[in-house]
Amino acid sequence: MINPLDWDLGNVPPGVAWGGVDEAGRGAWAGPVVAACAVLDGETVHKWGHVLRSVRDSKQLKPERREVLAAELKSVLPAYGIAEVDPLAIDRENILEATLMAMRQAVAHLAIRPRLLLVDGNRGPRTGLPERLVVDGDAVSCAIGAASILAKAHRDALMIGLEEQHPGYGFGQHKGYGTALHRARIQELGVSCVHRISYAPVAALQRVDEDLRDELRRSLDRCVSVAELQAWVLSDLRPAYGRLKLVWVETLRRHYADRLAQLANAEGLAKDPE
């Protein structure tokens, strides 16, 4: 089988920088979806080819090796970007759109813009750069494989951190994916604020609270400024998220948008009486 670096060199015009984009966490029940973009160029290949030839699909690497390789890639790549999209946005947009959003953000974070972008999968994120879609690209392309490693290592670290913030769910073990352990912990502890309530297995395990829904509506109505309204998302909505039906959240979002428009208009008039 051809080495992924050789595949890239045979499919990218000589003398140009190219990038690879991939995601991690698309199928998980909890936590963000993470995307990464890794940039390569001829000079980097010449100098660090021995590192790049060890790049594989992140799923083929043991966690310890993946973490080491991610650190090496960060030190040798001319540029890379990593972005996260959280469960609230995943539930609002759907996981495909959230994934494409994360990919666009990862590319936007690059210090060097590649001339060509290799994208894992069959849907392009519409970054404004020339994109080539590569199905199973994380196993075929070095740049996509490098992005896969960066995204997976970053997300694993995030999930270990979430285990500390939300102990008992086993996030450090299953990384938010739908394992038997994860299901059992949700049944025991309830759905947390970092779960994706638009996912049917999670929604089926929810213990929802109608009183909490009504209190959130009242606390939203009590906000008297745009700043208070924005703080409400962090202080009130996010902690309650796992105990709300998705339809309730969508209703609250619409009311939030209406209230935001009212308050922004009132504050604008106060600042500019003309």
Protein backbone atom coordinates (compact mmCIF):
# COMPACT_ATOMS: atom_id res chain seq x y z
CA MET A 1 0.00 0.00 0.00
CA ILE A 2 1.33 3.44 -0.91
CA ASN A 3 2.55 5.58 1.97
CA PRO A 4 0.14 8.51 2.58
CA LEU A 5 2.95 11.02 2.11
CA ASP A 6 3.76 9.56 -1.31
CA TRP A 7 0.05 9.75 -2.20
CA ASP A 8 0.05 13.45 -1.37
CA LEU A 9 3.21 14.09 -3.38
CA GLY A 10 1.66 12.31 -6.36
CA ASN A 11 -1.62 14.22 -6.17
CA VAL A 12 -0.56 17.77 -5.30
CA PRO A 13 1.09 20.12 -7.82
CA PRO A 14 4.78 20.61 -7.04
CA GLY A 15 5.88 23.78 -5.32
CA VAL A 16 2.61 24.59 -3.54
CA ALA A 17 1.56 24.30 0.09
CA TRP A 18 -1.41 22.02 0.66
CA GLY A 19 -3.63 21.25 3.60
CA GLY A 20 -5.64 18.35 4.92
CA VAL A 21 -8.84 18.61 6.95
CA ASP A 22 -10.50 16.00 9.17
CA GLU A 23 -12.78 15.78 12.21
CA ALA A 24 -13.11 13.81 15.42
CA GLY A 25 -16.18 13.15 17.53
CA ARG A 26 -18.87 13.22 14.90
CA GLY A 27 -20.57 10.08 16.20
CA ALA A 28 -20.14 10.76 19.93
CA TRP A 29 -23.10 11.29 22.26
CA ALA A 30 -21.34 14.00 24.27
CA GLY A 31 -18.75 16.71 23.95
CA PRO A 32 -17.80 18.86 20.96
CA VAL A 33 -17.01 17.88 17.42
CA VAL A 34 -13.42 18.90 16.66
CA ALA A 35 -11.84 19.62 13.29
CA ALA A 36 -8.21 20.18 12.42
CA CYS A 37 -6.33 21.37 9.37
CA ALA A 38 -2.68 20.42 8.79
CA VAL A 39 -0.56 22.29 6.23
CA LEU A 40 2.39 20.74 4.37
CA ASP A 41 4.91 22.07 1.87
CA GLY A 42 7.98 20.82 0.06
CA GLU A 43 10.46 22.20 2.57
CA THR A 44 8.68 20.48 5.45
CA VAL A 45 8.55 17.19 3.55
CA HIS A 46 12.28 17.41 2.79
CA LYS A 47 13.23 18.22 6.38
CA TRP A 48 10.70 16.14 8.32
CA GLY A 49 9.79 13.32 5.95
CA HIS A 50 10.78 10.72 8.56
CA VAL A 51 8.09 12.08 10.88
CA LEU A 52 5.47 12.51 8.17
CA ARG A 53 5.94 8.95 6.90
CA SER A 54 4.73 7.66 10.26
CA VAL A 55 1.39 9.46 9.87
CA ARG A 56 -1.61 7.15 9.70
CA ASP A 57 -5.35 7.38 10.26
CA SER A 58 -5.63 8.32 13.94
CA LYS A 59 -7.89 5.31 14.59
CA GLN A 60 -5.00 3.01 13.66
CA LEU A 61 -2.73 4.46 16.34
CA LYS A 62 -2.64 3.64 20.04
CA PRO A 63 -3.55 6.65 22.19
CA GLU A 64 -0.02 7.03 23.56
CA ARG A 65 1.53 7.00 20.09
CA ARG A 66 -1.15 9.38 18.80
CA GLU A 67 -0.39 11.93 21.53
CA VAL A 68 3.34 11.80 20.84
CA LEU A 69 2.83 12.14 17.09
CA ALA A 70 0.40 15.02 17.58
CA ALA A 71 3.04 16.88 19.59
CA GLU A 72 5.65 16.18 16.91
CA LEU A 73 3.35 17.39 14.15
CA LYS A 74 2.65 20.62 15.99
CA SER A 75 6.39 21.29 16.11
CA VAL A 76 7.16 20.47 12.46
CA LEU A 77 4.11 21.58 10.45
CA PRO A 78 4.40 25.06 8.90
CA ALA A 79 0.82 25.73 10.08
CA TYR A 80 -2.14 23.99 11.64
CA GLY A 81 -5.55 24.97 12.98
CA ILE A 82 -7.93 23.29 15.42
CA ALA A 83 -11.54 24.25 16.13
CA GLU A 84 -14.38 22.98 18.32
CA VAL A 85 -18.17 23.21 17.93
CA ASP A 86 -20.07 22.51 21.14
CA PRO A 87 -23.17 20.35 21.75
CA LEU A 88 -25.58 23.31 21.74
CA ALA A 89 -24.46 24.23 18.22
CA ILE A 90 -24.48 20.58 17.13
CA ASP A 91 -28.09 20.23 18.28
CA ARG A 92 -29.03 23.54 16.66
CA GLU A 93 -27.37 23.00 13.28
CA ASN A 94 -27.22 19.15 13.01
CA ILE A 95 -23.95 17.24 13.19
CA LEU A 96 -23.08 17.52 9.49
CA GLU A 97 -23.37 21.31 9.44
CA ALA A 98 -21.57 21.56 12.79
CA THR A 99 -18.72 19.45 11.41
CA LEU A 100 -18.40 21.59 8.29
CA MET A 101 -18.49 24.69 10.52
CA ALA A 102 -15.63 23.32 12.62
CA MET A 103 -13.64 22.59 9.46
CA ARG A 104 -14.11 26.15 8.19
CA GLN A 105 -13.03 27.54 11.56
CA ALA A 106 -9.93 25.30 11.64
CA VAL A 107 -8.90 26.59 8.20
CA ALA A 108 -9.60 30.18 9.27
CA HIS A 109 -7.15 29.74 12.16
CA LEU A 110 -4.22 28.94 9.84
CA ALA A 111 -1.21 31.24 9.82
CA ILE A 112 -0.41 30.03 6.27
CA ARG A 113 -3.12 29.59 3.64
CA PRO A 114 -2.60 26.47 1.51
CA ARG A 115 -3.17 26.53 -2.25
CA LEU A 116 -5.16 23.27 -2.14
CA LEU A 117 -7.26 21.65 0.58
CA LEU A 118 -7.72 17.87 0.80
CA VAL A 119 -10.92 17.11 2.72
CA ASP A 120 -11.86 13.81 4.31
CA GLY A 121 -15.28 12.60 3.19
CA ASN A 122 -17.75 13.46 0.44
CA ARG A 123 -18.87 16.96 1.53
CA GLY A 124 -16.71 20.04 1.26
CA PRO A 125 -16.77 22.69 4.00
CA ARG A 126 -16.78 25.58 1.46
CA THR A 127 -13.71 27.32 2.82
CA GLY A 128 -13.13 29.49 -0.24
CA LEU A 129 -9.98 27.49 -1.09
CA PRO A 130 -9.79 24.90 -3.86
CA GLU A 131 -11.03 21.68 -2.22
CA ARG A 132 -10.58 18.05 -3.24
CA LEU A 133 -12.78 15.50 -1.49
CA VAL A 134 -11.09 12.23 -0.53
CA VAL A 135 -13.29 9.44 0.81
CA ASP A 136 -11.46 7.63 3.65
CA GLY A 137 -8.87 10.35 3.24
CA ASP A 138 -7.43 9.90 6.74
CA ALA A 139 -6.07 6.51 5.57
CA VAL A 140 -5.00 7.76 2.11
CA SER A 141 -3.50 11.25 2.52
CA CYS A 142 -0.70 12.35 4.83
CA ALA A 143 -2.14 15.85 5.28
CA ILE A 144 -5.59 14.50 6.13
CA GLY A 145 -4.06 11.84 8.38
CA ALA A 146 -2.08 14.53 10.22
CA ALA A 147 -5.29 16.54 10.68
CA SER A 148 -7.01 13.39 11.95
CA ILE A 149 -4.29 12.89 14.56
CA LEU A 150 -4.42 16.53 15.69
CA ALA A 151 -8.22 16.51 15.95
CA LYS A 152 -8.41 13.18 17.78
CA ALA A 153 -5.64 14.01 20.27
CA HIS A 154 -7.19 17.41 20.97
CA ARG A 155 -10.65 15.98 21.49
CA ASP A 156 -9.42 13.16 23.72
CA ALA A 157 -7.75 15.72 25.97
CA LEU A 158 -10.98 17.74 26.09
CA MET A 159 -13.00 14.68 27.08
CA ILE A 160 -10.56 13.82 29.84
CA GLY A 161 -11.06 17.37 31.10
CA LEU A 162 -14.84 16.92 30.95
CA GLU A 163 -14.50 13.83 33.12
CA GLU A 164 -13.00 16.06 35.81
CA GLN A 165 -15.81 18.61 35.43
CA HIS A 166 -18.56 15.97 35.25
CA PRO A 167 -17.26 12.99 37.24
CA GLY A 168 -18.90 9.61 36.99
CA TYR A 169 -19.78 9.52 33.30
CA GLY A 170 -16.51 7.91 32.22
CA PHE A 171 -15.74 10.53 29.58
CA GLY A 172 -12.03 9.82 29.99
CA GLN A 173 -12.62 6.19 29.00
CA HIS A 174 -15.20 6.22 26.20
CA LYS A 175 -14.59 9.83 25.07
CA GLY A 176 -18.32 10.45 24.79
CA TYR A 177 -19.11 7.61 22.39
CA GLY A 178 -22.12 5.34 22.81
CA THR A 179 -20.68 2.44 24.79
CA ALA A 180 -22.50 0.21 27.25
CA LEU A 181 -20.63 1.95 30.09
CA HIS A 182 -21.72 5.36 28.85
CA ARG A 183 -25.35 4.29 28.59
CA ALA A 184 -25.27 2.84 32.10
CA ARG A 185 -23.78 6.02 33.56
CA ILE A 186 -26.42 8.19 31.88
CA GLN A 187 -29.14 5.94 33.27
CA GLU A 188 -27.60 6.36 36.72
CA LEU A 189 -26.69 10.07 36.66
CA GLY A 190 -29.02 11.54 34.04
CA VAL A 191 -28.11 13.45 30.88
CA SER A 192 -25.44 16.08 31.50
CA CYS A 193 -25.13 19.57 30.07
CA VAL A 194 -22.43 18.39 27.64
CA HIS A 195 -24.54 15.69 26.00
CA ARG A 196 -26.12 16.07 22.56
CA ILE A 197 -29.84 15.95 23.21
CA SER A 198 -30.68 15.80 19.50
CA TYR A 199 -29.20 12.29 19.39
CA ALA A 200 -31.97 9.71 19.80
CA PRO A 201 -30.12 7.41 22.27
CA VAL A 202 -29.47 10.41 24.54
CA ALA A 203 -33.00 11.81 24.24
CA ALA A 204 -34.39 8.38 25.17
CA LEU A 205 -32.48 8.48 28.46
CA GLN A 206 -33.39 12.04 29.47
CA ARG A 207 -35.20 12.91 32.69
CA VAL A 208 -36.71 16.24 31.67
CA ASP A 209 -37.93 18.95 34.02
CA GLU A 210 -40.88 21.12 32.96
CA ASP A 211 -40.52 23.37 36.01
CA LEU A 212 -36.96 24.09 34.96
CA ARG A 213 -38.15 24.98 31.46
CA ASP A 214 -40.61 27.50 32.90
CA GLU A 215 -38.01 28.98 35.24
CA LEU A 216 -35.62 29.47 32.33
CA ARG A 217 -38.31 31.38 30.44
CA ARG A 218 -38.87 33.62 33.47
CA SER A 219 -35.15 34.22 34.04
CA LEU A 220 -34.79 35.06 30.36
CA ASP A 221 -37.57 37.62 30.63
CA ARG A 222 -35.84 39.20 33.64
CA CYS A 223 -32.77 40.10 31.58
CA VAL A 224 -32.74 43.86 31.06
CA SER A 225 -29.63 44.29 28.88
CA VAL A 226 -27.83 42.52 26.06
CA ALA A 227 -24.95 41.71 28.43
CA GLU A 228 -27.34 40.06 30.92
CA LEU A 229 -28.97 38.14 28.12
CA GLN A 230 -25.63 36.82 26.88
CA ALA A 231 -24.63 35.88 30.43
CA TRP A 232 -27.94 33.99 30.79
CA VAL A 233 -26.76 31.43 28.24
CA LEU A 234 -23.77 30.52 30.43
CA SER A 235 -25.34 30.91 33.86
CA ASP A 236 -28.80 29.47 33.23
CA LEU A 237 -29.24 27.65 29.93
CA ARG A 238 -26.03 25.62 29.70
CA PRO A 239 -26.19 24.07 33.20
CA ALA A 240 -29.82 23.04 32.60
CA TYR A 241 -29.28 21.72 29.09
CA GLY A 242 -29.41 17.99 29.79
CA ARG A 243 -32.82 18.24 31.49
CA LEU A 244 -34.53 20.03 28.60
CA LYS A 245 -36.28 18.57 25.59
CA LEU A 246 -34.83 19.74 22.30
CA VAL A 247 -38.14 21.35 21.34
CA TRP A 248 -38.05 23.40 24.55
CA VAL A 249 -34.53 24.56 23.73
CA GLU A 250 -35.62 25.62 20.26
CA THR A 251 -38.51 27.60 21.76
CA LEU A 252 -36.13 29.28 24.21
CA ARG A 253 -33.76 30.10 21.36
CA ARG A 254 -36.53 31.86 19.44
CA HIS A 255 -37.55 33.80 22.53
CA TYR A 256 -33.89 34.65 23.17
CA ALA A 257 -33.55 36.00 19.62
CA ASP A 258 -36.68 38.13 20.00
CA ARG A 259 -35.53 39.45 23.37
CA LEU A 260 -32.04 40.15 22.02
CA ALA A 261 -33.47 42.20 19.17
CA GLN A 262 -35.66 44.19 21.58
CA LEU A 263 -32.85 44.94 24.01
CA ALA A 264 -30.30 45.72 21.29
CA ASN A 265 -32.75 48.13 19.69
CA ALA A 266 -33.50 49.78 23.05
CA GLU A 267 -29.82 50.15 23.87
CA GLY A 268 -29.12 51.54 20.41
CA LEU A 269 -31.82 54.17 20.81
CA ALA A 270 -30.50 55.09 24.26
CA LYS A 271 -26.99 55.61 22.88
CA ASP A 272 -28.13 57.49 19.78
CA PRO A 273 -31.26 59.57 20.54
CA GLU A 274 -31.33 60.83 16.93
